[in-house]
Amino acid sequence: MTNSITVTAQRWAHGWEIIIDEENATQVRTLAKAPQQVRDYLDTLYPETDHSQLEVHLTYEEVESQLQAARAAQRAAQKAEEEATQKIRKIVAQLRTDGVSLSDTAAILEVSKSRVQQLQAA
């Protein structure tokens, strides 16, 4: 058994229909209960398999493409931030190697002295 499953959520009058695959679906009133409902449903279909650790990933087709794009942008922003921090660390190292004081390094970078120390330590 895989450790995760992706299911599709579709709204209906009394909550959400959770489509597991072409032949299997279940319902929940709120999406917060969907992962456990999917596990319980699969337990009824396959009682010999333990589904308690199964990770359930929900998709909601109305926003899925926008959500994927937003998550990709978020990952790109995090990567850019990490790269920028590495560049700043190199600058801090260069300034400190050149004998620039902690206070002056902070002034050049327009950050606090404690932030310079954090950048040095990492």
PDB file of N, CA and C in Angstrom:
ATOM      1  N   MET A   1       0.834  -1.189   0.000  1.00  0.00           N
ATOM      2  CA  MET A   1       0.000   0.000   0.000  1.00  0.00           C
ATOM      3  C   MET A   1       0.878   1.251   0.000  1.00  0.00           C
ATOM      4  N   THR A   2       0.447   2.276  -0.726  1.00  0.00           N
ATOM      5  CA  THR A   2       1.192   3.534  -0.717  1.00  0.00           C
ATOM      6  C   THR A   2       0.920   4.280   0.585  1.00  0.00           C
ATOM      7  N   ASN A   3       1.778   5.214   0.911  1.00  0.00           N
ATOM      8  CA  ASN A   3       1.630   5.986   2.149  1.00  0.00           C
ATOM      9  C   ASN A   3       0.757   7.208   1.988  1.00  0.00           C
ATOM     10  N   SER A   4       0.330   7.503   0.759  1.00  0.00           N
ATOM     11  CA  SER A   4      -0.506   8.676   0.553  1.00  0.00           C
ATOM     12  C   SER A   4      -1.499   8.418  -0.578  1.00  0.00           C
ATOM     13  N   ILE A   5      -2.559   9.207  -0.554  1.00  0.00           N
ATOM     14  CA  ILE A   5      -3.584   9.127  -1.589  1.00  0.00           C
ATOM     15  C   ILE A   5      -4.091  10.536  -1.841  1.00  0.00           C
ATOM     16  N   THR A   6      -4.404  10.826  -3.076  1.00  0.00           N
ATOM     17  CA  THR A   6      -4.990  12.110  -3.430  1.00  0.00           C
ATOM     18  C   THR A   6      -6.437  11.876  -3.820  1.00  0.00           C
ATOM     19  N   VAL A   7      -7.324  12.630  -3.200  1.00  0.00           N
ATOM     20  CA  VAL A   7      -8.749  12.511  -3.468  1.00  0.00           C
ATOM     21  C   VAL A   7      -9.280  13.865  -3.912  1.00  0.00           C
ATOM     22  N   THR A   8     -10.420  13.835  -4.572  1.00  0.00           N
ATOM     23  CA  THR A   8     -11.018  15.064  -5.079  1.00  0.00           C
ATOM     24  C   THR A   8     -12.262  15.407  -4.272  1.00  0.00           C
ATOM     25  N   ALA A   9     -12.332  16.650  -3.828  1.00  0.00           N
ATOM     26  CA  ALA A   9     -13.492  17.131  -3.074  1.00  0.00           C
ATOM     27  C   ALA A   9     -14.430  17.862  -4.020  1.00  0.00           C
ATOM     28  N   GLN A  10     -15.719  17.517  -3.942  1.00  0.00           N
ATOM     29  CA  GLN A  10     -16.747  18.218  -4.715  1.00  0.00           C
ATOM     30  C   GLN A  10     -17.866  18.614  -3.768  1.00  0.00           C
ATOM     31  N   ARG A  11     -18.282  19.869  -3.837  1.00  0.00           N
ATOM     32  CA  ARG A  11     -19.361  20.350  -2.975  1.00  0.00           C
ATOM     33  C   ARG A  11     -20.679  19.720  -3.383  1.00  0.00           C
ATOM     34  N   TRP A  12     -21.515  19.494  -2.391  1.00  0.00           N
ATOM     35  CA  TRP A  12     -22.899  19.099  -2.621  1.00  0.00           C
ATOM     36  C   TRP A  12     -23.747  19.704  -1.514  1.00  0.00           C
ATOM     37  N   ALA A  13     -25.040  19.566  -1.567  1.00  0.00           N
ATOM     38  CA  ALA A  13     -25.959  20.281  -0.677  1.00  0.00           C
ATOM     39  C   ALA A  13     -25.688  20.069   0.806  1.00  0.00           C
ATOM     40  N   HIS A  14     -25.188  18.916   1.190  1.00  0.00           N
ATOM     41  CA  HIS A  14     -25.004  18.603   2.604  1.00  0.00           C
ATOM     42  C   HIS A  14     -23.544  18.538   3.025  1.00  0.00           C
ATOM     43  N   GLY A  15     -22.665  19.069   2.225  1.00  0.00           N
ATOM     44  CA  GLY A  15     -21.249  19.059   2.578  1.00  0.00           C
ATOM     45  C   GLY A  15     -20.373  18.805   1.364  1.00  0.00           C
ATOM     46  N   TRP A  16     -19.589  17.740   1.472  1.00  0.00           N
ATOM     47  CA  TRP A  16     -18.604  17.437   0.434  1.00  0.00           C
ATOM     48  C   TRP A  16     -18.657  15.972   0.049  1.00  0.00           C
ATOM     49  N   GLU A  17     -18.550  15.718  -1.233  1.00  0.00           N
ATOM     50  CA  GLU A  17     -18.347  14.364  -1.714  1.00  0.00           C
ATOM     51  C   GLU A  17     -16.853  14.211  -1.922  1.00  0.00           C
ATOM     52  N   ILE A  18     -16.307  13.128  -1.415  1.00  0.00           N
ATOM     53  CA  ILE A  18     -14.881  12.864  -1.547  1.00  0.00           C
ATOM     54  C   ILE A  18     -14.718  11.708  -2.502  1.00  0.00           C
ATOM     55  N   ILE A  19     -14.189  12.008  -3.684  1.00  0.00           N
ATOM     56  CA  ILE A  19     -14.029  10.997  -4.723  1.00  0.00           C
ATOM     57  C   ILE A  19     -12.647  10.387  -4.586  1.00  0.00           C
ATOM     58  N   ILE A  20     -12.632   9.103  -4.279  1.00  0.00           N
ATOM     59  CA  ILE A  20     -11.380   8.381  -4.062  1.00  0.00           C
ATOM     60  C   ILE A  20     -10.835   7.872  -5.388  1.00  0.00           C
ATOM     61  N   ASP A  21     -11.699   7.296  -6.187  1.00  0.00           N
ATOM     62  CA  ASP A  21     -11.358   6.861  -7.543  1.00  0.00           C
ATOM     63  C   ASP A  21     -12.658   6.767  -8.333  1.00  0.00           C
ATOM     64  N   GLU A  22     -12.620   6.237  -9.537  1.00  0.00           N
ATOM     65  CA  GLU A  22     -13.805   6.197 -10.399  1.00  0.00           C
ATOM     66  C   GLU A  22     -14.949   5.393  -9.795  1.00  0.00           C
ATOM     67  N   GLU A  23     -14.645   4.449  -8.931  1.00  0.00           N
ATOM     68  CA  GLU A  23     -15.667   3.565  -8.375  1.00  0.00           C
ATOM     69  C   GLU A  23     -15.979   3.820  -6.908  1.00  0.00           C
ATOM     70  N   ASN A  24     -15.206   4.657  -6.232  1.00  0.00           N
ATOM     71  CA  ASN A  24     -15.361   4.831  -4.789  1.00  0.00           C
ATOM     72  C   ASN A  24     -15.415   6.289  -4.392  1.00  0.00           C
ATOM     73  N   ALA A  25     -16.414   6.588  -3.560  1.00  0.00           N
ATOM     74  CA  ALA A  25     -16.565   7.940  -3.033  1.00  0.00           C
ATOM     75  C   ALA A  25     -17.238   7.835  -1.667  1.00  0.00           C
ATOM     76  N   THR A  26     -17.058   8.877  -0.876  1.00  0.00           N
ATOM     77  CA  THR A  26     -17.691   8.977   0.431  1.00  0.00           C
ATOM     78  C   THR A  26     -18.075  10.428   0.646  1.00  0.00           C
ATOM     79  N   GLN A  27     -18.763  10.714   1.733  1.00  0.00           N
ATOM     80  CA  GLN A  27     -19.208  12.072   1.984  1.00  0.00           C
ATOM     81  C   GLN A  27     -18.807  12.520   3.387  1.00  0.00           C
ATOM     82  N   VAL A  28     -18.601  13.832   3.507  1.00  0.00           N
ATOM     83  CA  VAL A  28     -18.335  14.457   4.813  1.00  0.00           C
ATOM     84  C   VAL A  28     -19.018  15.812   4.833  1.00  0.00           C
ATOM     85  N   ARG A  29     -19.330  16.272   6.034  1.00  0.00           N
ATOM     86  CA  ARG A  29     -19.944  17.594   6.161  1.00  0.00           C
ATOM     87  C   ARG A  29     -18.886  18.686   6.013  1.00  0.00           C
ATOM     88  N   THR A  30     -17.689  18.464   6.597  1.00  0.00           N
ATOM     89  CA  THR A  30     -16.601  19.444   6.496  1.00  0.00           C
ATOM     90  C   THR A  30     -15.339  18.748   6.003  1.00  0.00           C
ATOM     91  N   LEU A  31     -14.523  19.485   5.296  1.00  0.00           N
ATOM     92  CA  LEU A  31     -13.286  18.910   4.764  1.00  0.00           C
ATOM     93  C   LEU A  31     -12.284  18.552   5.850  1.00  0.00           C
ATOM     94  N   ALA A  32     -12.412  19.155   7.003  1.00  0.00           N
ATOM     95  CA  ALA A  32     -11.514  18.812   8.107  1.00  0.00           C
ATOM     96  C   ALA A  32     -11.647  17.334   8.479  1.00  0.00           C
ATOM     97  N   LYS A  33     -12.808  16.777   8.239  1.00  0.00           N
ATOM     98  CA  LYS A  33     -13.053  15.365   8.578  1.00  0.00           C
ATOM     99  C   LYS A  33     -12.753  14.415   7.419  1.00  0.00           C
ATOM    100  N   ALA A  34     -12.421  14.946   6.270  1.00  0.00           N
ATOM    101  CA  ALA A  34     -12.224  14.129   5.081  1.00  0.00           C
ATOM    102  C   ALA A  34     -11.106  13.096   5.208  1.00  0.00           C
ATOM    103  N   PRO A  35      -9.921  13.454   5.706  1.00  0.00           N
ATOM    104  CA  PRO A  35      -8.857  12.435   5.776  1.00  0.00           C
ATOM    105  C   PRO A  35      -9.263  11.199   6.589  1.00  0.00           C
ATOM    106  N   GLN A  36      -9.869  11.411   7.745  1.00  0.00           N
ATOM    107  CA  GLN A  36     -10.268  10.258   8.555  1.00  0.00           C
ATOM    108  C   GLN A  36     -11.402   9.490   7.888  1.00  0.00           C
ATOM    109  N   GLN A  37     -12.308  10.189   7.230  1.00  0.00           N
ATOM    110  CA  GLN A  37     -13.405   9.512   6.539  1.00  0.00           C
ATOM    111  C   GLN A  37     -12.862   8.638   5.412  1.00  0.00           C
ATOM    112  N   VAL A  38     -11.863   9.118   4.690  1.00  0.00           N
ATOM    113  CA  VAL A  38     -11.253   8.321   3.620  1.00  0.00           C
ATOM    114  C   VAL A  38     -10.600   7.080   4.222  1.00  0.00           C
ATOM    115  N   ARG A  39      -9.866   7.247   5.311  1.00  0.00           N
ATOM    116  CA  ARG A  39      -9.237   6.088   5.964  1.00  0.00           C
ATOM    117  C   ARG A  39     -10.283   5.076   6.413  1.00  0.00           C
ATOM    118  N   ASP A  40     -11.358   5.576   7.030  1.00  0.00           N
ATOM    119  CA  ASP A  40     -12.423   4.683   7.493  1.00  0.00           C
ATOM    120  C   ASP A  40     -13.079   3.962   6.317  1.00  0.00           C
ATOM    121  N   TYR A  41     -13.324   4.674   5.246  1.00  0.00           N
ATOM    122  CA  TYR A  41     -13.929   4.081   4.058  1.00  0.00           C
ATOM    123  C   TYR A  41     -13.029   2.978   3.494  1.00  0.00           C
ATOM    124  N   LEU A  42     -11.737   3.278   3.378  1.00  0.00           N
ATOM    125  CA  LEU A  42     -10.810   2.267   2.862  1.00  0.00           C
ATOM    126  C   LEU A  42     -10.702   1.074   3.797  1.00  0.00           C
ATOM    127  N   ASP A  43     -10.837   1.309   5.095  1.00  0.00           N
ATOM    128  CA  ASP A  43     -10.833   0.203   6.055  1.00  0.00           C
ATOM    129  C   ASP A  43     -12.001  -0.747   5.808  1.00  0.00           C
ATOM    130  N   THR A  44     -13.145  -0.206   5.377  1.00  0.00           N
ATOM    131  CA  THR A  44     -14.290  -1.081   5.093  1.00  0.00           C
ATOM    132  C   THR A  44     -14.084  -1.871   3.807  1.00  0.00           C
ATOM    133  N   LEU A  45     -13.401  -1.259   2.836  1.00  0.00           N
ATOM    134  CA  LEU A  45     -13.125  -1.969   1.582  1.00  0.00           C
ATOM    135  C   LEU A  45     -12.011  -3.004   1.733  1.00  0.00           C
ATOM    136  N   TYR A  46     -11.005  -2.645   2.489  1.00  0.00           N
ATOM    137  CA  TYR A  46      -9.809  -3.488   2.648  1.00  0.00           C
ATOM    138  C   TYR A  46      -9.493  -3.650   4.132  1.00  0.00           C
ATOM    139  N   PRO A  47     -10.282  -4.448   4.855  1.00  0.00           N
ATOM    140  CA  PRO A  47     -10.092  -4.555   6.310  1.00  0.00           C
ATOM    141  C   PRO A  47      -8.755  -5.175   6.714  1.00  0.00           C
ATOM    142  N   GLU A  48      -8.126  -5.885   5.799  1.00  0.00           N
ATOM    143  CA  GLU A  48      -6.837  -6.510   6.115  1.00  0.00           C
ATOM    144  C   GLU A  48      -5.664  -5.528   6.060  1.00  0.00           C
ATOM    145  N   THR A  49      -5.918  -4.309   5.569  1.00  0.00           N
ATOM    146  CA  THR A  49      -4.875  -3.298   5.431  1.00  0.00           C
ATOM    147  C   THR A  49      -5.068  -2.197   6.475  1.00  0.00           C
ATOM    148  N   ASP A  50      -3.961  -1.797   7.091  1.00  0.00           N
ATOM    149  CA  ASP A  50      -3.994  -0.707   8.072  1.00  0.00           C
ATOM    150  C   ASP A  50      -3.859   0.623   7.335  1.00  0.00           C
ATOM    151  N   HIS A  51      -4.881   1.442   7.404  1.00  0.00           N
ATOM    152  CA  HIS A  51      -4.883   2.748   6.741  1.00  0.00           C
ATOM    153  C   HIS A  51      -4.643   3.898   7.714  1.00  0.00           C
ATOM    154  N   SER A  52      -4.348   3.597   8.956  1.00  0.00           N
ATOM    155  CA  SER A  52      -4.263   4.629   9.993  1.00  0.00           C
ATOM    156  C   SER A  52      -3.172   5.670   9.729  1.00  0.00           C
ATOM    157  N   GLN A  53      -2.122   5.297   9.021  1.00  0.00           N
ATOM    158  CA  GLN A  53      -1.025   6.230   8.748  1.00  0.00           C
ATOM    159  C   GLN A  53      -1.080   6.825   7.338  1.00  0.00           C
ATOM    160  N   LEU A  54      -2.149   6.524   6.617  1.00  0.00           N
ATOM    161  CA  LEU A  54      -2.297   7.004   5.248  1.00  0.00           C
ATOM    162  C   LEU A  54      -2.441   8.527   5.226  1.00  0.00           C
ATOM    163  N   GLU A  55      -1.614   9.189   4.433  1.00  0.00           N
ATOM    164  CA  GLU A  55      -1.721  10.636   4.230  1.00  0.00           C
ATOM    165  C   GLU A  55      -2.741  10.880   3.130  1.00  0.00           C
ATOM    166  N   VAL A  56      -3.737  11.695   3.431  1.00  0.00           N
ATOM    167  CA  VAL A  56      -4.782  11.990   2.467  1.00  0.00           C
ATOM    168  C   VAL A  56      -4.614  13.426   1.994  1.00  0.00           C
ATOM    169  N   HIS A  57      -4.445  13.597   0.699  1.00  0.00           N
ATOM    170  CA  HIS A  57      -4.289  14.921   0.097  1.00  0.00           C
ATOM    171  C   HIS A  57      -5.570  15.250  -0.659  1.00  0.00           C
ATOM    172  N   LEU A  58      -6.128  16.410  -0.345  1.00  0.00           N
ATOM    173  CA  LEU A  58      -7.372  16.844  -0.972  1.00  0.00           C
ATOM    174  C   LEU A  58      -7.095  17.765  -2.148  1.00  0.00           C
ATOM    175  N   THR A  59      -7.867  17.596  -3.188  1.00  0.00           N
ATOM    176  CA  THR A  59      -7.852  18.564  -4.281  1.00  0.00           C
ATOM    177  C   THR A  59      -9.272  19.082  -4.457  1.00  0.00           C
ATOM    178  N   TYR A  60      -9.373  20.320  -4.788  1.00  0.00           N
ATOM    179  CA  TYR A  60     -10.655  20.959  -5.078  1.00  0.00           C
ATOM    180  C   TYR A  60     -10.472  21.587  -6.448  1.00  0.00           C
ATOM    181  N   GLU A  61     -11.057  20.965  -7.457  1.00  0.00           N
ATOM    182  CA  GLU A  61     -10.759  21.305  -8.848  1.00  0.00           C
ATOM    183  C   GLU A  61     -10.956  22.776  -9.195  1.00  0.00           C
ATOM    184  N   GLU A  62     -11.889  23.454  -8.498  1.00  0.00           N
ATOM    185  CA  GLU A  62     -12.170  24.848  -8.819  1.00  0.00           C
ATOM    186  C   GLU A  62     -10.971  25.765  -8.576  1.00  0.00           C
ATOM    187  N   VAL A  63     -10.074  25.376  -7.683  1.00  0.00           N
ATOM    188  CA  VAL A  63      -8.915  26.221  -7.387  1.00  0.00           C
ATOM    189  C   VAL A  63      -7.589  25.482  -7.531  1.00  0.00           C
ATOM    190  N   GLU A  64      -7.618  24.243  -7.954  1.00  0.00           N
ATOM    191  CA  GLU A  64      -6.401  23.426  -7.956  1.00  0.00           C
ATOM    192  C   GLU A  64      -5.279  24.027  -8.799  1.00  0.00           C
ATOM    193  N   SER A  65      -5.596  24.514  -9.996  1.00  0.00           N
ATOM    194  CA  SER A  65      -4.525  25.055 -10.844  1.00  0.00           C
ATOM    195  C   SER A  65      -3.940  26.327 -10.227  1.00  0.00           C
ATOM    196  N   GLN A  66      -4.787  27.175  -9.654  1.00  0.00           N
ATOM    197  CA  GLN A  66      -4.286  28.390  -9.006  1.00  0.00           C
ATOM    198  C   GLN A  66      -3.467  28.037  -7.766  1.00  0.00           C
ATOM    199  N   LEU A  67      -3.910  27.032  -7.023  1.00  0.00           N
ATOM    200  CA  LEU A  67      -3.198  26.612  -5.831  1.00  0.00           C
ATOM    201  C   LEU A  67      -1.820  26.060  -6.184  1.00  0.00           C
ATOM    202  N   GLN A  68      -1.756  25.256  -7.229  1.00  0.00           N
ATOM    203  CA  GLN A  68      -0.457  24.723  -7.655  1.00  0.00           C
ATOM    204  C   GLN A  68       0.468  25.848  -8.093  1.00  0.00           C
ATOM    205  N   ALA A  69      -0.062  26.830  -8.812  1.00  0.00           N
ATOM    206  CA  ALA A  69       0.757  27.962  -9.248  1.00  0.00           C
ATOM    207  C   ALA A  69       1.225  28.776  -8.043  1.00  0.00           C
ATOM    208  N   ALA A  70       0.349  28.981  -7.079  1.00  0.00           N
ATOM    209  CA  ALA A  70       0.724  29.737  -5.875  1.00  0.00           C
ATOM    210  C   ALA A  70       1.791  28.994  -5.086  1.00  0.00           C
ATOM    211  N   ARG A  71       1.644  27.690  -4.957  1.00  0.00           N
ATOM    212  CA  ARG A  71       2.651  26.909  -4.226  1.00  0.00           C
ATOM    213  C   ARG A  71       3.993  26.918  -4.948  1.00  0.00           C
ATOM    214  N   ALA A  72       3.967  26.859  -6.276  1.00  0.00           N
ATOM    215  CA  ALA A  72       5.214  26.931  -7.041  1.00  0.00           C
ATOM    216  C   ALA A  72       5.873  28.295  -6.845  1.00  0.00           C
ATOM    217  N   ALA A  73       5.073  29.359  -6.861  1.00  0.00           N
ATOM    218  CA  ALA A  73       5.615  30.704  -6.627  1.00  0.00           C
ATOM    219  C   ALA A  73       6.182  30.821  -5.221  1.00  0.00           C
ATOM    220  N   GLN A  74       5.511  30.208  -4.266  1.00  0.00           N
ATOM    221  CA  GLN A  74       5.993  30.242  -2.887  1.00  0.00           C
ATOM    222  C   GLN A  74       7.330  29.511  -2.763  1.00  0.00           C
ATOM    223  N   ARG A  75       7.441  28.345  -3.400  1.00  0.00           N
ATOM    224  CA  ARG A  75       8.720  27.604  -3.374  1.00  0.00           C
ATOM    225  C   ARG A  75       9.826  28.413  -4.040  1.00  0.00           C
ATOM    226  N   ALA A  76       9.510  29.068  -5.162  1.00  0.00           N
ATOM    227  CA  ALA A  76      10.508  29.893  -5.860  1.00  0.00           C
ATOM    228  C   ALA A  76      10.937  31.061  -4.986  1.00  0.00           C
ATOM    229  N   ALA A  77       9.992  31.670  -4.290  1.00  0.00           N
ATOM    230  CA  ALA A  77      10.324  32.790  -3.405  1.00  0.00           C
ATOM    231  C   ALA A  77      11.192  32.327  -2.243  1.00  0.00           C
ATOM    232  N   GLN A  78      10.884  31.165  -1.683  1.00  0.00           N
ATOM    233  CA  GLN A  78      11.703  30.634  -0.595  1.00  0.00           C
ATOM    234  C   GLN A  78      13.120  30.342  -1.070  1.00  0.00           C
ATOM    235  N   LYS A  79      13.237  29.784  -2.269  1.00  0.00           N
ATOM    236  CA  LYS A  79      14.563  29.493  -2.824  1.00  0.00           C
ATOM    237  C   LYS A  79      15.331  30.791  -3.068  1.00  0.00           C
ATOM    238  N   ALA A  80      14.654  31.796  -3.604  1.00  0.00           N
ATOM    239  CA  ALA A  80      15.302  33.086  -3.856  1.00  0.00           C
ATOM    240  C   ALA A  80      15.749  33.721  -2.545  1.00  0.00           C
ATOM    241  N   GLU A  81      14.931  33.603  -1.513  1.00  0.00           N
ATOM    242  CA  GLU A  81      15.293  34.161  -0.206  1.00  0.00           C
ATOM    243  C   GLU A  81      16.519  33.447   0.365  1.00  0.00           C
ATOM    244  N   GLU A  82      16.545  32.116   0.234  1.00  0.00           N
ATOM    245  CA  GLU A  82      17.703  31.359   0.716  1.00  0.00           C
ATOM    246  C   GLU A  82      18.967  31.758  -0.033  1.00  0.00           C
ATOM    247  N   GLU A  83      18.868  31.926  -1.349  1.00  0.00           N
ATOM    248  CA  GLU A  83      20.017  32.330  -2.154  1.00  0.00           C
ATOM    249  C   GLU A  83      20.484  33.735  -1.764  1.00  0.00           C
ATOM    250  N   ALA A  84      19.547  34.634  -1.537  1.00  0.00           N
ATOM    251  CA  ALA A  84      19.903  36.003  -1.131  1.00  0.00           C
ATOM    252  C   ALA A  84      20.595  35.997   0.229  1.00  0.00           C
ATOM    253  N   THR A  85      20.098  35.176   1.134  1.00  0.00           N
ATOM    254  CA  THR A  85      20.711  35.088   2.463  1.00  0.00           C
ATOM    255  C   THR A  85      22.130  34.560   2.353  1.00  0.00           C
ATOM    256  N   GLN A  86      22.369  33.592   1.501  1.00  0.00           N
ATOM    257  CA  GLN A  86      23.727  33.071   1.302  1.00  0.00           C
ATOM    258  C   GLN A  86      24.649  34.163   0.759  1.00  0.00           C
ATOM    259  N   LYS A  87      24.150  34.972  -0.148  1.00  0.00           N
ATOM    260  CA  LYS A  87      24.954  36.075  -0.691  1.00  0.00           C
ATOM    261  C   LYS A  87      25.285  37.089   0.403  1.00  0.00           C
ATOM    262  N   ILE A  88      24.302  37.409   1.226  1.00  0.00           N
ATOM    263  CA  ILE A  88      24.533  38.341   2.333  1.00  0.00           C
ATOM    264  C   ILE A  88      25.563  37.759   3.301  1.00  0.00           C
ATOM    265  N   ARG A  89      25.480  36.459   3.572  1.00  0.00           N
ATOM    266  CA  ARG A  89      26.453  35.818   4.472  1.00  0.00           C
ATOM    267  C   ARG A  89      27.871  35.952   3.919  1.00  0.00           C
ATOM    268  N   LYS A  90      28.014  35.803   2.615  1.00  0.00           N
ATOM    269  CA  LYS A  90      29.336  35.961   1.999  1.00  0.00           C
ATOM    270  C   LYS A  90      29.838  37.391   2.146  1.00  0.00           C
ATOM    271  N   ILE A  91      28.935  38.344   2.002  1.00  0.00           N
ATOM    272  CA  ILE A  91      29.316  39.749   2.173  1.00  0.00           C
ATOM    273  C   ILE A  91      29.730  40.005   3.613  1.00  0.00           C
ATOM    274  N   VAL A  92      28.976  39.465   4.563  1.00  0.00           N
ATOM    275  CA  VAL A  92      29.324  39.625   5.977  1.00  0.00           C
ATOM    276  C   VAL A  92      30.705  39.039   6.230  1.00  0.00           C
ATOM    277  N   ALA A  93      30.935  37.844   5.708  1.00  0.00           N
ATOM    278  CA  ALA A  93      32.243  37.203   5.915  1.00  0.00           C
ATOM    279  C   ALA A  93      33.359  38.052   5.326  1.00  0.00           C
ATOM    280  N   GLN A  94      33.126  38.595   4.136  1.00  0.00           N
ATOM    281  CA  GLN A  94      34.141  39.435   3.497  1.00  0.00           C
ATOM    282  C   GLN A  94      34.404  40.689   4.325  1.00  0.00           C
ATOM    283  N   LEU A  95      33.346  41.356   4.764  1.00  0.00           N
ATOM    284  CA  LEU A  95      33.511  42.577   5.559  1.00  0.00           C
ATOM    285  C   LEU A  95      34.257  42.288   6.856  1.00  0.00           C
ATOM    286  N   ARG A  96      33.863  41.220   7.529  1.00  0.00           N
ATOM    287  CA  ARG A  96      34.503  40.902   8.811  1.00  0.00           C
ATOM    288  C   ARG A  96      35.958  40.477   8.600  1.00  0.00           C
ATOM    289  N   THR A  97      36.248  39.752   7.507  1.00  0.00           N
ATOM    290  CA  THR A  97      37.633  39.383   7.189  1.00  0.00           C
ATOM    291  C   THR A  97      38.458  40.621   6.884  1.00  0.00           C
ATOM    292  N   ASP A  98      37.846  41.608   6.272  1.00  0.00           N
ATOM    293  CA  ASP A  98      38.529  42.859   5.946  1.00  0.00           C
ATOM    294  C   ASP A  98      38.700  43.762   7.167  1.00  0.00           C
ATOM    295  N   GLY A  99      38.211  43.300   8.335  1.00  0.00           N
ATOM    296  CA  GLY A  99      38.399  44.061   9.556  1.00  0.00           C
ATOM    297  C   GLY A  99      37.314  45.087   9.842  1.00  0.00           C
ATOM    298  N   VAL A 100      36.207  45.039   9.113  1.00  0.00           N
ATOM    299  CA  VAL A 100      35.108  45.968   9.361  1.00  0.00           C
ATOM    300  C   VAL A 100      34.422  45.526  10.657  1.00  0.00           C
ATOM    301  N   SER A 101      34.205  46.470  11.547  1.00  0.00           N
ATOM    302  CA  SER A 101      33.615  46.139  12.855  1.00  0.00           C
ATOM    303  C   SER A 101      32.188  45.615  12.700  1.00  0.00           C
ATOM    304  N   LEU A 102      31.733  44.987  13.759  1.00  0.00           N
ATOM    305  CA  LEU A 102      30.367  44.471  13.798  1.00  0.00           C
ATOM    306  C   LEU A 102      29.372  45.613  13.603  1.00  0.00           C
ATOM    307  N   SER A 103      29.595  46.705  14.291  1.00  0.00           N
ATOM    308  CA  SER A 103      28.714  47.863  14.206  1.00  0.00           C
ATOM    309  C   SER A 103      28.697  48.456  12.799  1.00  0.00           C
ATOM    310  N   ASP A 104      29.878  48.570  12.198  1.00  0.00           N
ATOM    311  CA  ASP A 104      29.945  49.133  10.852  1.00  0.00           C
ATOM    312  C   ASP A 104      29.354  48.175   9.813  1.00  0.00           C
ATOM    313  N   THR A 105      29.566  46.893  10.018  1.00  0.00           N
ATOM    314  CA  THR A 105      28.972  45.905   9.115  1.00  0.00           C
ATOM    315  C   THR A 105      27.454  46.008   9.168  1.00  0.00           C
ATOM    316  N   ALA A 106      26.900  46.149  10.374  1.00  0.00           N
ATOM    317  CA  ALA A 106      25.455  46.306  10.529  1.00  0.00           C
ATOM    318  C   ALA A 106      24.965  47.566   9.820  1.00  0.00           C
ATOM    319  N   ALA A 107      25.741  48.643   9.921  1.00  0.00           N
ATOM    320  CA  ALA A 107      25.356  49.896   9.267  1.00  0.00           C
ATOM    321  C   ALA A 107      25.368  49.749   7.753  1.00  0.00           C
ATOM    322  N   ILE A 108      26.387  49.075   7.226  1.00  0.00           N
ATOM    323  CA  ILE A 108      26.485  48.872   5.770  1.00  0.00           C
ATOM    324  C   ILE A 108      25.299  48.057   5.269  1.00  0.00           C
ATOM    325  N   LEU A 109      24.946  47.019   6.017  1.00  0.00           N
ATOM    326  CA  LEU A 109      23.860  46.129   5.596  1.00  0.00           C
ATOM    327  C   LEU A 109      22.468  46.652   5.968  1.00  0.00           C
ATOM    328  N   GLU A 110      22.460  47.708   6.813  1.00  0.00           N
ATOM    329  CA  GLU A 110      21.201  48.264   7.299  1.00  0.00           C
ATOM    330  C   GLU A 110      20.382  47.234   8.071  1.00  0.00           C
ATOM    331  N   VAL A 111      21.094  46.514   8.950  1.00  0.00           N
ATOM    332  CA  VAL A 111      20.477  45.544   9.848  1.00  0.00           C
ATOM    333  C   VAL A 111      21.054  45.758  11.245  1.00  0.00           C
ATOM    334  N   SER A 112      20.513  45.033  12.195  1.00  0.00           N
ATOM    335  CA  SER A 112      21.027  45.159  13.562  1.00  0.00           C
ATOM    336  C   SER A 112      22.330  44.374  13.713  1.00  0.00           C
ATOM    337  N   LYS A 113      23.078  44.709  14.763  1.00  0.00           N
ATOM    338  CA  LYS A 113      24.308  43.962  15.052  1.00  0.00           C
ATOM    339  C   LYS A 113      23.986  42.505  15.351  1.00  0.00           C
ATOM    340  N   SER A 114      22.873  42.261  16.021  1.00  0.00           N
ATOM    341  CA  SER A 114      22.518  40.874  16.326  1.00  0.00           C
ATOM    342  C   SER A 114      22.219  40.088  15.044  1.00  0.00           C
ATOM    343  N   ARG A 115      21.656  40.755  14.036  1.00  0.00           N
ATOM    344  CA  ARG A 115      21.401  40.070  12.763  1.00  0.00           C
ATOM    345  C   ARG A 115      22.720  39.731  12.074  1.00  0.00           C
ATOM    346  N   VAL A 116      23.692  40.622  12.158  1.00  0.00           N
ATOM    347  CA  VAL A 116      25.025  40.338  11.596  1.00  0.00           C
ATOM    348  C   VAL A 116      25.609  39.113  12.289  1.00  0.00           C
ATOM    349  N   GLN A 117      25.462  39.056  13.606  1.00  0.00           N
ATOM    350  CA  GLN A 117      25.982  37.902  14.337  1.00  0.00           C
ATOM    351  C   GLN A 117      25.273  36.618  13.915  1.00  0.00           C
ATOM    352  N   GLN A 118      23.987  36.694  13.686  1.00  0.00           N
ATOM    353  CA  GLN A 118      23.243  35.519  13.211  1.00  0.00           C
ATOM    354  C   GLN A 118      23.755  35.076  11.831  1.00  0.00           C
ATOM    355  N   LEU A 119      23.985  36.037  10.974  1.00  0.00           N
ATOM    356  CA  LEU A 119      24.468  35.715   9.640  1.00  0.00           C
ATOM    357  C   LEU A 119      25.889  35.111   9.683  1.00  0.00           C
ATOM    358  N   GLN A 120      26.694  35.577  10.619  1.00  0.00           N
ATOM    359  CA  GLN A 120      28.036  35.046  10.769  1.00  0.00           C
ATOM    360  C   GLN A 120      28.001  33.614  11.281  1.00  0.00           C
ATOM    361  N   ALA A 121      27.104  33.341  12.217  1.00  0.00           N
ATOM    362  CA  ALA A 121      27.063  32.052  12.890  1.00  0.00           C
ATOM    363  C   ALA A 121      26.586  30.933  11.983  1.00  0.00           C
ATOM    364  N   ALA A 122      25.761  31.258  11.021  1.00  0.00           N
ATOM    365  CA  ALA A 122      25.175  30.203  10.188  1.00  0.00           C
ATOM    366  C   ALA A 122      26.130  29.683   9.155  1.00  0.00           C
TER     367      ALA A 122
END
